[in-house]
N, C-alpha and C. Protein backbone atom coordinates (compact mmCIF):
# COMPACT_ATOMS: atom_id res chain seq x y z
N UNK A 1 -110.31 -66.22 102.07
CA UNK A 1 -109.73 -65.49 100.98
C UNK A 1 -109.79 -64.13 101.73
N UNK A 2 -108.64 -63.37 101.99
CA UNK A 2 -107.67 -62.04 101.99
C UNK A 2 -108.01 -61.41 100.50
N UNK A 3 -108.64 -60.50 100.48
CA UNK A 3 -108.40 -59.53 99.05
C UNK A 3 -107.56 -58.32 99.56
N UNK A 4 -106.65 -57.80 98.91
CA UNK A 4 -105.77 -56.52 99.26
C UNK A 4 -105.81 -56.31 98.06
N UNK A 5 -105.88 -54.78 97.43
CA UNK A 5 -105.89 -54.12 96.63
C UNK A 5 -105.20 -52.83 97.16
N UNK A 6 -104.19 -52.67 96.08
CA UNK A 6 -103.66 -51.45 95.84
C UNK A 6 -103.31 -50.45 94.60
N UNK A 7 -103.59 -49.04 94.99
CA UNK A 7 -103.79 -48.39 93.35
C UNK A 7 -102.74 -47.26 93.80
N UNK A 8 -101.73 -47.14 92.76
CA UNK A 8 -100.65 -46.13 93.00
C UNK A 8 -100.70 -44.88 91.79
N UNK A 9 -101.00 -43.89 92.53
CA UNK A 9 -100.67 -42.71 91.38
C UNK A 9 -99.14 -42.42 91.11
N UNK A 10 -98.78 -42.63 89.93
CA UNK A 10 -97.31 -42.44 89.59
C UNK A 10 -97.19 -40.91 88.57
N UNK A 11 -96.21 -40.74 89.28
CA UNK A 11 -95.87 -39.01 88.44
C UNK A 11 -94.33 -39.40 87.45
N UNK A 12 -93.86 -40.60 87.55
CA UNK A 12 -92.75 -41.00 86.42
C UNK A 12 -93.25 -41.72 85.50
N UNK A 13 -92.63 -41.92 84.57
CA UNK A 13 -92.96 -42.69 83.17
C UNK A 13 -92.75 -44.11 83.38
N UNK A 14 -91.13 -44.46 84.33
CA UNK A 14 -90.83 -45.39 84.29
C UNK A 14 -90.62 -46.24 85.63
N UNK A 15 -91.02 -47.40 86.14
CA UNK A 15 -90.60 -47.94 87.35
C UNK A 15 -90.25 -49.32 87.33
N UNK A 16 -89.24 -49.36 88.31
CA UNK A 16 -88.80 -50.89 88.51
C UNK A 16 -89.75 -51.88 89.44
N UNK A 17 -90.81 -52.50 88.92
CA UNK A 17 -91.88 -52.93 89.96
C UNK A 17 -91.01 -54.05 90.30
N UNK A 18 -90.99 -54.25 91.53
CA UNK A 18 -90.02 -55.63 92.23
C UNK A 18 -91.46 -56.65 92.63
N UNK A 19 -91.38 -57.88 92.56
CA UNK A 19 -92.39 -59.26 92.64
C UNK A 19 -91.55 -60.45 93.28
N UNK A 20 -91.94 -60.66 94.01
CA UNK A 20 -91.64 -61.88 95.04
C UNK A 20 -91.20 -63.23 94.02
N UNK A 21 -90.69 -63.73 93.74
CA UNK A 21 -90.55 -65.10 92.54
C UNK A 21 -89.49 -65.95 93.25
N UNK A 22 -89.57 -66.85 93.53
CA UNK A 22 -88.56 -67.94 94.31
C UNK A 22 -86.86 -67.81 93.34
N UNK A 23 -86.25 -67.76 93.71
CA UNK A 23 -84.93 -67.76 92.68
C UNK A 23 -83.62 -68.07 93.66
N UNK A 24 -82.49 -68.65 93.04
CA UNK A 24 -81.88 -69.10 93.49
C UNK A 24 -80.55 -67.93 93.98
N UNK A 25 -80.25 -66.79 93.11
CA UNK A 25 -79.35 -65.81 93.22
C UNK A 25 -80.02 -64.51 92.84
N UNK A 26 -79.34 -63.54 93.14
CA UNK A 26 -79.58 -62.50 93.00
C UNK A 26 -79.77 -62.46 91.41
N UNK A 27 -78.57 -63.06 90.58
CA UNK A 27 -79.06 -62.68 89.17
C UNK A 27 -79.84 -63.11 88.55
N UNK A 28 -80.47 -64.35 89.36
CA UNK A 28 -81.68 -65.03 88.54
C UNK A 28 -82.94 -63.95 89.20
N UNK A 29 -82.85 -63.03 89.89
CA UNK A 29 -83.65 -62.40 90.44
C UNK A 29 -83.89 -61.47 89.58
N UNK A 30 -82.68 -60.73 89.05
CA UNK A 30 -82.77 -59.81 88.56
C UNK A 30 -83.29 -59.64 86.37
N UNK A 31 -83.00 -60.99 86.51
CA UNK A 31 -83.40 -61.48 84.79
C UNK A 31 -85.04 -61.55 85.26
N UNK A 32 -85.61 -62.18 86.20
CA UNK A 32 -87.01 -62.36 86.12
C UNK A 32 -87.66 -60.78 86.53
N UNK A 33 -87.03 -60.04 86.80
CA UNK A 33 -87.68 -58.55 86.66
C UNK A 33 -87.35 -57.55 85.82
N UNK A 34 -86.58 -58.40 84.80
CA UNK A 34 -86.10 -57.98 83.22
C UNK A 34 -87.59 -58.35 82.25
N UNK A 35 -88.08 -59.84 82.58
CA UNK A 35 -88.78 -60.12 82.02
C UNK A 35 -90.35 -60.04 82.28
N UNK A 36 -90.41 -59.11 83.31
CA UNK A 36 -92.22 -58.67 83.67
C UNK A 36 -92.24 -57.45 83.24
N UNK A 37 -93.41 -57.74 82.41
CA UNK A 37 -94.07 -56.71 81.31
C UNK A 37 -95.49 -56.45 81.86
N UNK A 38 -95.74 -55.43 81.96
CA UNK A 38 -97.14 -55.01 82.54
C UNK A 38 -97.57 -54.38 81.76
N UNK A 39 -99.27 -54.94 81.52
CA UNK A 39 -99.65 -54.68 80.21
C UNK A 39 -100.53 -53.20 80.58
N UNK A 40 -100.85 -52.70 79.33
CA UNK A 40 -101.26 -51.64 79.90
C UNK A 40 -102.88 -51.45 79.52
N UNK A 41 -103.73 -51.48 80.11
CA UNK A 41 -105.33 -51.64 79.82
C UNK A 41 -106.06 -50.43 80.39
N UNK A 42 -106.68 -50.12 79.32
CA UNK A 42 -107.78 -48.66 79.61
C UNK A 42 -108.59 -49.07 80.12
N UNK A 43 -109.38 -48.05 80.65
CA UNK A 43 -110.71 -48.12 81.25
C UNK A 43 -110.82 -47.61 82.79
N UNK A 44 -111.81 -47.05 82.98
CA UNK A 44 -112.17 -46.56 84.51
C UNK A 44 -112.44 -48.07 85.50
N UNK A 45 -111.64 -47.36 86.98
CA UNK A 45 -111.73 -48.45 87.77
C UNK A 45 -112.36 -48.02 89.01
N UNK A 46 -112.75 -48.40 89.90
CA UNK A 46 -113.18 -48.62 91.11
C UNK A 46 -112.18 -49.16 92.26
N UNK A 47 -111.66 -48.76 93.01
CA UNK A 47 -110.86 -49.10 93.75
C UNK A 47 -111.34 -49.64 95.17
N UNK A 48 -112.43 -50.90 95.20
CA UNK A 48 -113.34 -51.37 96.61
C UNK A 48 -113.19 -52.43 97.14
N UNK A 49 -112.06 -53.16 96.84
CA UNK A 49 -111.57 -54.48 97.45
C UNK A 49 -112.27 -55.65 96.47
N UNK A 50 -112.65 -55.27 95.31
CA UNK A 50 -113.45 -56.10 94.52
C UNK A 50 -112.66 -56.64 93.43
N UNK A 51 -112.60 -57.76 92.50
CA UNK A 51 -111.98 -57.61 91.38
C UNK A 51 -113.09 -58.09 90.41
N UNK A 52 -113.82 -57.58 90.11
CA UNK A 52 -115.34 -57.48 89.39
C UNK A 52 -114.93 -56.33 88.14
N UNK A 53 -114.09 -55.77 88.38
CA UNK A 53 -113.75 -54.43 86.97
C UNK A 53 -112.71 -55.73 85.81
N UNK A 54 -113.25 -55.57 84.50
CA UNK A 54 -113.10 -56.50 83.30
C UNK A 54 -111.24 -56.20 83.32
N UNK A 55 -110.81 -54.79 83.57
CA UNK A 55 -109.24 -54.81 83.80
C UNK A 55 -108.32 -56.20 84.61
N UNK A 56 -109.09 -56.56 85.50
CA UNK A 56 -108.51 -57.40 86.74
C UNK A 56 -108.39 -58.88 85.60
N UNK A 57 -109.61 -58.84 84.99
CA UNK A 57 -109.08 -60.44 84.11
C UNK A 57 -108.25 -60.14 83.05
N UNK A 58 -107.37 -59.11 82.71
CA UNK A 58 -106.50 -59.24 81.58
C UNK A 58 -105.07 -58.67 82.13
N UNK A 59 -105.10 -58.43 83.46
CA UNK A 59 -103.74 -57.92 84.06
C UNK A 59 -103.18 -59.64 84.41
N UNK A 60 -101.70 -58.27 84.26
CA UNK A 60 -100.73 -59.99 84.56
C UNK A 60 -101.06 -60.52 85.74
N UNK A 61 -100.56 -61.77 86.08
CA UNK A 61 -100.71 -62.50 86.90
C UNK A 61 -99.60 -63.08 87.71
N UNK A 62 -99.10 -63.36 88.81
CA UNK A 62 -98.06 -64.12 88.98
C UNK A 62 -98.27 -64.44 90.65
N UNK A 63 -97.35 -65.77 90.53
CA UNK A 63 -97.68 -66.25 92.16
C UNK A 63 -96.52 -65.79 92.87
N UNK A 64 -96.98 -65.32 94.17
CA UNK A 64 -95.63 -65.15 95.21
C UNK A 64 -95.29 -66.18 95.57
N UNK A 65 -94.30 -66.52 95.78
CA UNK A 65 -93.24 -67.82 95.88
C UNK A 65 -92.47 -68.23 97.24
N UNK A 66 -92.03 -66.69 97.96
CA UNK A 66 -91.61 -66.57 98.93
C UNK A 66 -92.02 -65.50 100.00
N UNK A 67 -91.61 -65.35 101.22
CA UNK A 67 -91.88 -64.48 102.20
C UNK A 67 -90.86 -63.88 102.55
N UNK A 68 -90.76 -62.28 103.15
CA UNK A 68 -89.40 -61.94 103.27
C UNK A 68 -89.63 -61.62 104.95
N UNK A 69 -90.82 -61.38 105.32
CA UNK A 69 -91.02 -61.32 107.07
C UNK A 69 -91.90 -61.63 107.10
N UNK A 70 -92.23 -62.33 108.54
CA UNK A 70 -91.20 -62.68 109.40
C UNK A 70 -90.24 -63.50 108.92
N UNK A 71 -90.34 -64.28 107.65
CA UNK A 71 -89.43 -65.21 107.81
C UNK A 71 -88.37 -64.88 106.39
N UNK A 72 -87.15 -65.45 106.29
CA UNK A 72 -86.03 -65.14 105.18
C UNK A 72 -86.48 -65.69 103.89
N UNK A 73 -87.37 -65.21 103.10
CA UNK A 73 -86.95 -65.95 101.62
C UNK A 73 -87.75 -67.52 101.92
N UNK A 74 -88.43 -67.63 102.63
CA UNK A 74 -89.27 -68.96 102.76
C UNK A 74 -90.66 -68.97 102.18
N UNK A 75 -90.83 -70.36 101.49
CA UNK A 75 -91.88 -70.49 101.34
C UNK A 75 -92.94 -70.11 101.85
N UNK A 76 -93.99 -69.53 101.59
CA UNK A 76 -94.88 -68.59 102.18
C UNK A 76 -95.84 -69.79 102.90
N UNK A 77 -96.68 -69.26 103.91
CA UNK A 77 -97.63 -70.82 104.46
C UNK A 77 -98.94 -70.76 104.04
N UNK A 78 -99.41 -69.53 103.13
CA UNK A 78 -100.04 -69.30 102.42
C UNK A 78 -100.45 -68.81 101.01
N UNK A 79 -101.15 -69.28 100.19
CA UNK A 79 -101.38 -68.95 98.27
C UNK A 79 -101.13 -67.42 98.60
N UNK A 80 -100.18 -66.72 97.76
CA UNK A 80 -100.71 -65.47 97.49
C UNK A 80 -100.15 -64.88 96.07
N UNK A 81 -101.68 -64.57 95.28
CA UNK A 81 -101.17 -64.47 93.60
C UNK A 81 -101.62 -62.66 93.82
N UNK A 82 -100.82 -62.11 92.99
CA UNK A 82 -100.89 -60.59 92.42
C UNK A 82 -101.03 -60.23 91.15
N UNK A 83 -101.63 -59.41 90.47
CA UNK A 83 -102.25 -59.08 89.23
C UNK A 83 -102.14 -57.70 89.67
N UNK A 84 -101.25 -57.37 88.18
CA UNK A 84 -100.60 -56.25 88.16
C UNK A 84 -101.10 -55.51 86.52
N UNK A 85 -101.32 -54.54 86.55
CA UNK A 85 -101.35 -53.45 85.07
C UNK A 85 -100.87 -51.72 85.40
N UNK A 86 -101.52 -51.33 84.24
CA UNK A 86 -100.99 -49.85 84.28
C UNK A 86 -101.81 -49.40 83.09
N UNK A 87 -102.20 -47.81 83.06
CA UNK A 87 -103.29 -47.70 82.49
C UNK A 87 -102.66 -46.01 81.49
N UNK A 88 -101.07 -46.21 81.77
CA UNK A 88 -100.74 -44.94 81.29
C UNK A 88 -100.18 -43.49 82.60
N UNK A 89 -101.44 -43.87 83.66
CA UNK A 89 -101.50 -42.67 84.51
C UNK A 89 -101.28 -43.46 85.82
N UNK A 90 -102.00 -44.54 86.15
CA UNK A 90 -101.75 -45.42 87.36
C UNK A 90 -101.19 -46.91 87.35
N UNK A 91 -100.97 -46.89 88.06
CA UNK A 91 -100.51 -48.41 88.38
C UNK A 91 -101.45 -49.19 89.17
N UNK A 92 -102.08 -50.12 88.89
CA UNK A 92 -103.08 -50.94 89.70
C UNK A 92 -101.95 -52.09 90.31
N UNK A 93 -102.45 -52.76 91.09
CA UNK A 93 -102.06 -53.98 91.91
C UNK A 93 -102.79 -54.53 92.70
N UNK A 94 -103.46 -55.91 92.62
CA UNK A 94 -104.16 -56.28 93.25
C UNK A 94 -103.41 -57.74 93.78
N UNK A 95 -103.80 -58.27 95.15
CA UNK A 95 -103.13 -58.87 96.09
C UNK A 95 -104.35 -60.16 96.28
N UNK A 96 -104.25 -61.13 96.13
CA UNK A 96 -105.06 -62.52 96.50
C UNK A 96 -104.39 -63.22 97.54
N UNK A 97 -104.61 -62.76 98.81
CA UNK A 97 -104.09 -63.74 100.13
C UNK A 97 -104.70 -64.78 100.39
N UNK A 98 -105.02 -66.17 99.95
CA UNK A 98 -105.68 -67.13 100.37
C UNK A 98 -105.25 -67.74 102.12
N UNK A 99 -106.08 -67.51 103.13
CA UNK A 99 -105.68 -68.22 104.24
C UNK A 99 -106.83 -69.24 104.64
N UNK A 100 -107.15 -70.70 104.64
CA UNK A 100 -108.02 -71.29 104.91
C UNK A 100 -108.27 -71.08 106.58
N UNK A 101 -107.32 -70.31 107.11
CA UNK A 101 -107.75 -70.02 108.77
C UNK A 101 -108.10 -68.65 109.18
N UNK A 102 -109.26 -68.22 108.89
CA UNK A 102 -109.52 -67.15 109.04
C UNK A 102 -109.10 -66.33 110.41
N UNK A 103 -109.13 -67.40 111.42
CA UNK A 103 -108.99 -66.55 112.18
C UNK A 103 -107.53 -66.63 112.97
N UNK A 104 -106.67 -66.49 111.82
CA UNK A 104 -105.65 -66.70 112.41
C UNK A 104 -104.71 -65.30 111.44
N UNK A 105 -105.58 -64.46 110.68
CA UNK A 105 -105.66 -63.52 110.13
C UNK A 105 -105.25 -62.35 111.02
N UNK A 106 -103.97 -61.56 111.08
CA UNK A 106 -103.58 -60.63 112.01
C UNK A 106 -103.92 -59.13 111.45
N UNK A 107 -105.28 -58.42 111.37
CA UNK A 107 -105.24 -57.34 110.88
C UNK A 107 -106.32 -56.52 111.55
N UNK A 108 -105.90 -55.59 112.12
CA UNK A 108 -106.76 -54.35 112.57
C UNK A 108 -106.73 -53.02 111.98
N UNK A 109 -108.20 -52.34 112.27
CA UNK A 109 -108.31 -51.03 112.05
C UNK A 109 -107.22 -49.85 112.87
N UNK A 110 -106.30 -49.40 112.14
CA UNK A 110 -104.94 -48.59 112.75
C UNK A 110 -104.98 -47.43 112.12
N UNK A 111 -104.03 -46.41 112.60
CA UNK A 111 -103.93 -45.36 111.88
C UNK A 111 -103.10 -45.56 110.62
N UNK A 112 -103.09 -44.79 109.83
CA UNK A 112 -101.86 -45.02 108.93
C UNK A 112 -100.27 -45.69 109.49
N UNK A 113 -99.70 -46.34 108.45
CA UNK A 113 -98.19 -46.59 108.95
C UNK A 113 -98.09 -47.00 110.28
N UNK A 114 -99.48 -47.76 111.13
CA UNK A 114 -99.27 -48.31 112.33
C UNK A 114 -99.80 -49.59 111.79
N UNK A 115 -99.69 -50.45 110.45
CA UNK A 115 -99.91 -51.75 110.43
C UNK A 115 -98.55 -52.33 110.52
N UNK A 116 -97.56 -51.94 110.99
CA UNK A 116 -96.50 -52.98 110.65
C UNK A 116 -96.63 -54.29 111.29
N UNK A 117 -97.24 -54.72 112.84
CA UNK A 117 -97.56 -55.78 113.31
C UNK A 117 -98.60 -56.66 112.37
N UNK A 118 -99.16 -56.37 111.59
CA UNK A 118 -100.36 -56.91 111.16
C UNK A 118 -99.67 -57.67 109.90
N UNK A 119 -100.78 -58.51 108.97
CA UNK A 119 -100.23 -59.31 108.18
C UNK A 119 -100.84 -58.13 106.94
N UNK A 120 -99.53 -58.29 106.22
CA UNK A 120 -99.62 -57.29 105.43
C UNK A 120 -98.83 -57.59 103.86
N UNK A 121 -99.37 -56.89 102.97
CA UNK A 121 -99.20 -57.08 101.68
C UNK A 121 -98.33 -56.00 100.95
N UNK A 122 -97.33 -55.89 100.08
CA UNK A 122 -97.06 -54.66 99.45
C UNK A 122 -96.25 -54.77 98.39
N UNK A 123 -95.82 -53.60 97.59
CA UNK A 123 -94.98 -53.63 96.60
C UNK A 123 -93.69 -52.33 96.98
N UNK A 124 -92.50 -52.84 96.47
CA UNK A 124 -91.69 -51.37 96.67
C UNK A 124 -91.02 -50.87 94.81
N UNK A 125 -91.02 -49.70 94.85
CA UNK A 125 -90.65 -49.23 93.60
C UNK A 125 -89.49 -48.45 93.69
N UNK A 126 -88.17 -48.96 93.02
CA UNK A 126 -87.12 -48.07 92.91
C UNK A 126 -87.34 -47.53 91.45
N UNK A 127 -87.93 -46.16 91.56
CA UNK A 127 -88.10 -45.14 90.33
C UNK A 127 -86.66 -44.83 89.72
N UNK A 128 -85.72 -44.78 90.83
CA UNK A 128 -84.41 -44.53 89.56
C UNK A 128 -83.59 -45.52 89.11
N UNK A 129 -84.29 -46.90 89.67
CA UNK A 129 -83.53 -48.15 88.84
C UNK A 129 -82.28 -48.37 89.31
N UNK A 130 -81.90 -47.37 90.37
CA UNK A 130 -80.49 -47.98 90.78
C UNK A 130 -80.05 -48.93 91.74
N UNK A 131 -81.20 -49.55 92.60
CA UNK A 131 -81.17 -50.23 93.65
C UNK A 131 -80.87 -49.71 95.24
N UNK A 132 -81.03 -47.99 94.88
CA UNK A 132 -80.58 -47.20 96.37
C UNK A 132 -81.30 -46.80 97.10
N UNK A 133 -82.90 -46.69 96.50
CA UNK A 133 -83.84 -46.01 97.00
C UNK A 133 -84.96 -46.79 96.72
N UNK A 134 -86.19 -47.19 97.75
CA UNK A 134 -87.41 -47.90 97.27
C UNK A 134 -88.71 -46.89 97.77
N UNK A 135 -89.54 -46.57 97.01
CA UNK A 135 -90.86 -46.29 97.75
C UNK A 135 -91.25 -47.80 98.50
N UNK A 136 -91.83 -47.72 99.43
CA UNK A 136 -92.69 -48.50 99.81
C UNK A 136 -94.12 -48.57 99.92
N UNK A 137 -95.30 -49.67 99.71
CA UNK A 137 -96.47 -49.44 99.72
C UNK A 137 -96.94 -50.68 100.29
N UNK A 138 -97.84 -50.45 101.43
CA UNK A 138 -98.13 -51.89 102.04
C UNK A 138 -99.59 -51.40 102.36
N UNK A 139 -100.55 -52.70 102.44
CA UNK A 139 -101.86 -52.44 103.16
C UNK A 139 -101.81 -53.86 103.68
N UNK A 140 -102.86 -53.67 104.63
CA UNK A 140 -103.11 -54.72 105.79
C UNK A 140 -104.59 -55.47 105.22
N UNK A 141 -105.08 -56.30 105.98
CA UNK A 141 -106.24 -56.65 105.14
C UNK A 141 -107.35 -56.05 105.31
N UNK A 142 -107.57 -54.99 105.61
CA UNK A 142 -108.69 -53.94 106.09
C UNK A 142 -108.33 -52.91 104.91
N UNK A 143 -107.44 -52.93 104.30
CA UNK A 143 -106.83 -51.88 103.37
C UNK A 143 -106.26 -50.37 104.10
N UNK A 144 -105.53 -50.76 105.45
CA UNK A 144 -105.14 -49.60 106.05
C UNK A 144 -103.68 -49.60 105.45
N UNK A 145 -103.11 -48.51 104.95
CA UNK A 145 -102.02 -47.95 104.08
C UNK A 145 -100.91 -47.82 105.07
N UNK A 146 -99.71 -48.12 104.39
CA UNK A 146 -98.09 -47.80 105.09
C UNK A 146 -97.61 -47.51 104.19
N UNK A 147 -96.65 -46.31 103.76
CA UNK A 147 -96.25 -46.07 103.03
C UNK A 147 -94.62 -45.40 103.39
N UNK A 148 -93.56 -45.79 103.17
CA UNK A 148 -92.15 -45.16 103.73
C UNK A 148 -91.31 -45.32 102.26
N UNK A 149 -90.28 -44.86 102.57
CA UNK A 149 -88.98 -44.73 101.97
C UNK A 149 -88.03 -45.48 102.62
N UNK A 150 -87.29 -46.43 101.60
CA UNK A 150 -86.02 -47.35 102.14
C UNK A 150 -84.70 -47.08 101.21
N UNK A 151 -83.78 -46.98 101.98
CA UNK A 151 -82.79 -46.74 101.57
C UNK A 151 -81.72 -47.53 101.91
N UNK A 152 -81.43 -48.47 101.06
CA UNK A 152 -80.74 -48.95 100.62
C UNK A 152 -79.37 -48.75 100.84
N UNK A 153 -78.45 -47.84 101.05
CA UNK A 153 -77.17 -47.39 101.19
C UNK A 153 -77.54 -47.01 102.79
N UNK A 154 -78.06 -46.78 103.54
CA UNK A 154 -77.70 -46.62 104.87
C UNK A 154 -78.50 -47.87 105.71
N UNK A 155 -79.48 -48.65 105.11
CA UNK A 155 -80.44 -49.87 105.58
C UNK A 155 -81.20 -49.32 106.42
N UNK A 156 -82.00 -47.69 106.16
CA UNK A 156 -82.59 -46.99 106.72
C UNK A 156 -83.91 -46.99 106.68
N UNK A 157 -85.50 -46.79 107.06
CA UNK A 157 -86.70 -46.77 106.54
C UNK A 157 -87.20 -45.31 107.16
N UNK A 158 -87.76 -44.76 106.47
CA UNK A 158 -88.48 -43.43 106.87
C UNK A 158 -90.11 -43.77 106.74
N UNK A 159 -90.92 -43.70 107.59
CA UNK A 159 -92.43 -43.60 107.47
C UNK A 159 -92.86 -42.10 107.49
N UNK A 160 -92.03 -41.27 107.69
CA UNK A 160 -92.38 -39.62 107.58
C UNK A 160 -93.05 -39.25 106.25
N UNK A 161 -92.35 -40.01 105.15
CA UNK A 161 -93.14 -39.82 103.96
C UNK A 161 -94.57 -40.41 103.80
N UNK A 162 -95.44 -39.74 103.42
CA UNK A 162 -96.60 -40.06 102.97
C UNK A 162 -97.06 -39.84 101.29
N UNK A 163 -97.27 -40.87 100.86
CA UNK A 163 -98.00 -41.05 99.42
C UNK A 163 -99.08 -40.64 99.36
N UNK A 164 -99.91 -40.06 98.19
CA UNK A 164 -100.81 -39.90 97.71
C UNK A 164 -101.63 -41.60 96.98
N UNK A 165 -102.09 -42.15 97.41
CA UNK A 165 -102.71 -43.28 96.20
C UNK A 165 -103.87 -43.84 97.57
N UNK A 166 -104.53 -44.91 96.88
CA UNK A 166 -105.99 -45.19 97.13
C UNK A 166 -105.71 -46.95 97.50
N UNK A 167 -106.56 -47.28 98.60
CA UNK A 167 -106.17 -48.92 98.80
C UNK A 167 -107.70 -49.29 99.08
N UNK A 168 -108.07 -50.85 99.22
CA UNK A 168 -109.07 -51.21 99.85
C UNK A 168 -108.84 -53.00 100.01
N UNK A 169 -109.40 -52.81 101.15
CA UNK A 169 -109.16 -54.48 101.66
C UNK A 169 -110.33 -55.18 102.04
N UNK A 170 -110.53 -56.39 101.96
CA UNK A 170 -111.82 -57.18 102.16
C UNK A 170 -111.33 -58.66 102.54
N UNK A 171 -111.68 -58.77 103.78
CA UNK A 171 -111.71 -60.40 104.16
C UNK A 171 -112.86 -60.98 103.84
N UNK A 172 -113.00 -61.85 103.26
CA UNK A 172 -114.35 -62.98 102.95
C UNK A 172 -114.15 -64.19 103.69
N UNK A 173 -115.11 -64.73 103.36
CA UNK A 173 -115.70 -66.05 104.22
C UNK A 173 -115.04 -67.31 103.72
N UNK A 174 -114.62 -67.53 102.48
CA UNK A 174 -113.90 -68.66 102.11
C UNK A 174 -112.67 -68.73 102.51
N UNK A 175 -111.83 -67.91 103.00
CA UNK A 175 -110.36 -67.70 103.76
C UNK A 175 -109.48 -68.01 102.28
């Protein structure tokens, strides 16, 4: 099982957190986002690639039901769950990506923003909730970060922006 964790420090009060849920239309997708309630869970957290903090047991858990890259909205070849919660200051997201064929996991120790050819998971945050600009946070199975800003109006992405956030990743023996 590959376990990848992302911790984001948010400087805003509200964010539209997107998650992958299999849907048949954009209207259904919008309804799914509207129903996503992120629990507020207090307590000190350690970002270390483990799910042993008690907050993870209370976090909202979702199944990711489609892949957007390299496939276009298809069923994923491996099972991936996401856990999410916030504590008033920080948004915490954990991905549990299970791949029974560990030898097929593509992950290398690279420089920041150089992981785009690796297996990765991540989130996009639309802080203005207008569908125009998204802050993207991705990590590979070793916890190496990539972040960028995606402009939906121009179709361009820029990885020259570097957010301040923490991540950890771990590949474990049970695939």
